[in-house]
N, C-alpha and C. Protein backbone atom coordinates (compact mmCIF):
# COMPACT_ATOMS: atom_id res chain seq x y z
N MET A 1 1.21 32.72 7.92
CA MET A 1 2.20 31.55 6.69
C MET A 1 1.40 32.19 5.74
N SER A 2 2.65 32.77 4.54
CA SER A 2 2.61 33.45 3.53
C SER A 2 1.63 32.41 2.34
N SER A 3 0.92 33.11 1.49
CA SER A 3 0.26 32.16 0.43
C SER A 3 1.47 31.91 -0.68
N ASP A 4 2.36 32.82 -0.99
CA ASP A 4 3.38 32.94 -2.39
C ASP A 4 4.34 32.23 -2.00
N MET A 5 4.18 30.67 -1.25
CA MET A 5 5.14 30.00 -0.77
C MET A 5 5.29 28.89 -2.21
N THR A 6 6.87 29.21 -2.54
CA THR A 6 7.21 28.09 -3.72
C THR A 6 8.12 27.11 -3.26
N MET A 7 7.90 25.85 -4.37
CA MET A 7 9.01 24.89 -4.00
C MET A 7 10.05 25.46 -4.25
N PRO A 8 11.44 25.32 -4.21
CA PRO A 8 12.68 25.33 -5.00
C PRO A 8 12.63 24.59 -6.48
N SER A 9 13.13 25.11 -7.42
CA SER A 9 12.82 24.25 -8.85
C SER A 9 13.57 23.12 -8.59
N ASP A 10 14.83 22.91 -7.56
CA ASP A 10 16.11 21.67 -7.59
C ASP A 10 14.95 20.75 -7.00
N MET A 11 14.05 21.21 -6.38
CA MET A 11 13.25 20.40 -5.28
C MET A 11 11.92 19.41 -6.08
N THR A 12 12.38 17.77 -6.64
CA THR A 12 11.17 17.60 -6.91
C THR A 12 10.50 16.48 -6.18
N MET A 13 9.02 15.80 -6.43
CA MET A 13 9.17 15.07 -5.47
C MET A 13 9.01 13.35 -5.96
N PRO A 14 9.78 12.83 -5.09
CA PRO A 14 10.56 11.14 -5.98
C PRO A 14 9.40 10.39 -6.38
N GLU A 15 9.68 9.69 -7.71
CA GLU A 15 8.46 8.63 -7.86
C GLU A 15 8.48 7.50 -7.09
N ARG A 16 7.74 6.52 -7.46
CA ARG A 16 7.18 5.57 -6.41
C ARG A 16 8.48 4.96 -6.89
N ASN A 17 8.53 3.78 -5.85
CA ASN A 17 10.19 2.98 -5.86
C ASN A 17 11.27 3.57 -6.45
N GLN A 18 11.58 4.69 -6.16
CA GLN A 18 12.81 5.35 -6.96
C GLN A 18 13.99 4.55 -6.40
N GLY A 19 14.76 3.97 -7.18
CA GLY A 19 15.88 3.08 -6.47
C GLY A 19 15.20 2.07 -5.61
N ALA A 20 14.45 1.94 -5.11
CA ALA A 20 13.97 0.67 -5.13
C ALA A 20 13.40 -0.92 -5.53
N PRO A 21 13.54 -2.08 -5.73
CA PRO A 21 13.27 -2.82 -6.20
C PRO A 21 11.71 -2.85 -5.96
N ASP A 22 10.96 -3.18 -7.43
CA ASP A 22 9.45 -3.23 -7.60
C ASP A 22 8.83 -4.50 -6.65
N PHE A 23 7.81 -4.08 -6.02
CA PHE A 23 7.29 -4.85 -5.58
C PHE A 23 6.88 -6.56 -6.02
N MET A 24 6.88 -6.70 -6.89
CA MET A 24 6.41 -8.10 -7.92
C MET A 24 7.84 -8.49 -8.04
N GLU A 25 9.05 -7.87 -7.79
CA GLU A 25 10.20 -8.43 -8.29
C GLU A 25 10.55 -9.36 -6.93
N ILE A 26 10.21 -9.41 -5.68
CA ILE A 26 11.14 -9.84 -4.57
C ILE A 26 9.81 -10.61 -3.94
N GLY A 27 10.13 -11.82 -4.05
CA GLY A 27 9.68 -12.88 -3.73
C GLY A 27 8.53 -12.90 -1.92
N SER A 28 9.84 -12.74 -1.22
CA SER A 28 9.75 -12.43 0.41
C SER A 28 9.15 -11.68 1.09
N GLU A 29 9.16 -9.85 0.12
CA GLU A 29 8.56 -9.03 0.15
C GLU A 29 7.07 -8.95 0.04
N LYS A 30 6.69 -9.55 -1.14
CA LYS A 30 5.78 -9.84 -1.79
C LYS A 30 5.03 -10.82 -0.36
N ALA A 31 5.33 -12.09 -0.05
CA ALA A 31 4.67 -12.88 0.78
C ALA A 31 4.60 -11.93 2.27
N GLU A 32 5.08 -11.53 2.35
CA GLU A 32 5.39 -10.58 3.93
C GLU A 32 4.36 -9.55 3.79
N LEU A 33 4.10 -8.78 2.68
CA LEU A 33 3.12 -7.80 2.29
C LEU A 33 1.76 -8.47 2.20
N THR A 34 1.96 -9.61 1.85
CA THR A 34 0.57 -10.51 1.72
C THR A 34 -0.25 -10.89 2.94
N GLN A 35 0.88 -11.18 3.92
CA GLN A 35 0.54 -11.71 4.97
C GLN A 35 0.23 -10.52 5.99
N ARG A 36 0.80 -9.15 5.74
CA ARG A 36 0.33 -7.75 6.52
C ARG A 36 -1.17 -7.71 5.99
N VAL A 37 -1.54 -8.00 5.05
CA VAL A 37 -2.77 -7.57 4.64
C VAL A 37 -4.10 -8.56 5.08
N ALA A 38 -3.53 -10.07 4.95
CA ALA A 38 -4.09 -10.94 5.58
C ALA A 38 -4.57 -10.34 6.83
N ASP A 39 -3.79 -10.27 7.72
CA ASP A 39 -3.70 -10.15 8.88
C ASP A 39 -4.50 -8.63 9.41
N PHE A 40 -4.30 -7.85 8.26
CA PHE A 40 -5.18 -6.35 8.54
C PHE A 40 -6.71 -6.96 8.55
N ILE A 41 -6.71 -7.38 7.67
CA ILE A 41 -8.39 -8.10 7.10
C ILE A 41 -8.75 -8.51 8.35
N GLU A 42 -8.36 -9.90 8.51
CA GLU A 42 -8.61 -10.60 10.06
C GLU A 42 -9.23 -9.48 11.03
N MET A 43 -7.98 -8.96 11.47
CA MET A 43 -8.66 -7.71 12.25
C MET A 43 -9.75 -6.73 11.91
N GLU A 44 -9.83 -6.45 10.98
CA GLU A 44 -10.92 -5.68 10.88
C GLU A 44 -11.93 -6.68 10.90
N MET A 45 -12.31 -7.63 10.47
CA MET A 45 -13.41 -8.38 10.36
C MET A 45 -13.42 -8.94 11.73
N ARG A 46 -12.94 -8.83 12.59
CA ARG A 46 -12.95 -9.55 14.05
C ARG A 46 -13.73 -8.51 14.68
N SER A 47 -13.20 -7.54 14.96
CA SER A 47 -13.91 -6.16 14.94
C SER A 47 -15.38 -5.53 14.33
N CYS A 48 -15.39 -6.04 13.49
CA CYS A 48 -16.57 -5.76 12.56
C CYS A 48 -16.88 -4.35 12.20
N SER A 49 -15.06 -3.94 11.75
CA SER A 49 -15.35 -2.61 11.06
C SER A 49 -15.89 -2.41 9.93
N ALA A 50 -15.68 -3.54 9.19
CA ALA A 50 -15.57 -3.72 7.38
C ALA A 50 -16.06 -5.02 7.22
N SER A 51 -16.46 -5.48 5.96
CA SER A 51 -16.54 -6.60 4.91
C SER A 51 -16.35 -6.70 3.84
N VAL A 52 -16.32 -5.65 3.34
CA VAL A 52 -15.76 -5.29 2.12
C VAL A 52 -14.41 -4.77 1.83
N PHE A 53 -13.14 -4.95 1.79
CA PHE A 53 -12.20 -4.21 1.96
C PHE A 53 -11.59 -3.80 0.15
N SER A 54 -12.04 -2.47 -0.29
CA SER A 54 -11.35 -2.38 -1.42
C SER A 54 -9.52 -1.66 -1.52
N PRO A 55 -9.06 -2.45 -2.36
CA PRO A 55 -7.63 -2.02 -2.47
C PRO A 55 -7.37 -0.62 -2.10
N GLU A 56 -7.92 0.92 -2.20
CA GLU A 56 -7.90 1.61 -2.00
C GLU A 56 -8.08 2.07 -0.06
N TYR A 57 -9.13 1.34 0.23
CA TYR A 57 -9.44 1.35 1.80
C TYR A 57 -7.84 0.47 2.41
N VAL A 58 -7.05 -0.70 2.06
CA VAL A 58 -6.27 -1.33 1.98
C VAL A 58 -4.81 -0.20 2.51
N ALA A 59 -4.75 0.41 1.15
CA ALA A 59 -3.69 0.87 0.67
C ALA A 59 -3.72 2.30 1.78
N ARG A 60 -4.58 2.89 1.81
CA ARG A 60 -4.64 3.90 2.79
C ARG A 60 -4.37 3.46 4.25
N SER A 61 -5.03 2.48 4.45
CA SER A 61 -5.07 1.83 6.22
C SER A 61 -3.54 1.52 6.50
N LEU A 62 -2.64 0.60 5.40
CA LEU A 62 -1.57 0.09 5.68
C LEU A 62 -0.96 1.23 5.27
N GLN A 63 -0.99 2.31 4.84
CA GLN A 63 0.12 3.32 4.28
C GLN A 63 1.15 2.17 3.38
N ILE A 64 0.41 1.75 2.47
CA ILE A 64 1.01 1.31 1.02
C ILE A 64 0.52 1.65 -0.23
N CYS A 65 1.41 1.76 -1.36
CA CYS A 65 0.84 2.17 -2.44
C CYS A 65 -0.42 0.50 -3.05
N LEU A 66 -0.95 1.93 -3.72
CA LEU A 66 -2.40 1.02 -4.67
C LEU A 66 -1.67 -0.08 -4.91
N THR A 67 -0.59 -0.11 -5.98
CA THR A 67 -0.50 -1.31 -6.68
C THR A 67 -0.18 -2.66 -5.90
N ASP A 68 0.44 -2.26 -4.68
CA ASP A 68 0.88 -3.04 -3.94
C ASP A 68 -0.68 -3.71 -3.27
N ALA A 69 -0.90 -3.07 -2.92
CA ALA A 69 -2.32 -3.50 -1.81
C ALA A 69 -3.27 -4.33 -3.02
N GLU A 70 -2.92 -3.88 -4.08
CA GLU A 70 -4.16 -4.85 -5.55
C GLU A 70 -3.54 -5.86 -5.48
N ALA A 71 -1.92 -5.95 -5.45
CA ALA A 71 -1.65 -7.19 -5.70
C ALA A 71 -1.94 -8.19 -4.55
N ALA A 72 -1.88 -7.63 -3.27
CA ALA A 72 -1.67 -8.35 -2.40
C ALA A 72 -2.77 -9.35 -2.15
N LEU A 73 -3.81 -8.17 -2.34
CA LEU A 73 -5.37 -8.44 -2.63
C LEU A 73 -5.48 -9.92 -3.49
N ARG A 74 -5.62 -9.38 -4.39
CA ARG A 74 -5.02 -11.06 -5.54
C ARG A 74 -4.38 -12.00 -5.08
N ALA A 75 -3.57 -11.84 -4.40
CA ALA A 75 -2.65 -13.32 -4.03
C ALA A 75 -3.81 -14.00 -3.04
N LEU A 76 -3.96 -12.81 -1.96
CA LEU A 76 -5.22 -13.32 -0.97
C LEU A 76 -6.59 -14.08 -1.48
N LYS A 77 -6.93 -13.73 -2.67
CA LYS A 77 -8.13 -14.24 -3.57
C LYS A 77 -7.78 -15.43 -3.94
N LYS A 78 -6.57 -15.67 -4.92
CA LYS A 78 -6.17 -17.20 -5.14
C LYS A 78 -5.81 -18.15 -4.29
N ARG A 79 -5.90 -18.03 -2.68
CA ARG A 79 -5.67 -18.68 -1.82
C ARG A 79 -6.64 -19.58 -1.44
């Protein structure tokens, strides 16, 4: 594999949620994601894998963006 591989100038990385509605604008998607995070935390607690859940850990585990994980954890904290 050559180390001088470059990305063509017309290829750019897409920005977060480019062309998609923002997480905070969609109520049902927010509720669905919050429920996914709640289910994930419950599963992790049952398996004794973790007791403290950082937004980074949740985002990486569920493959969601960090801001969505933070918002979902804040929503769960208010329950």
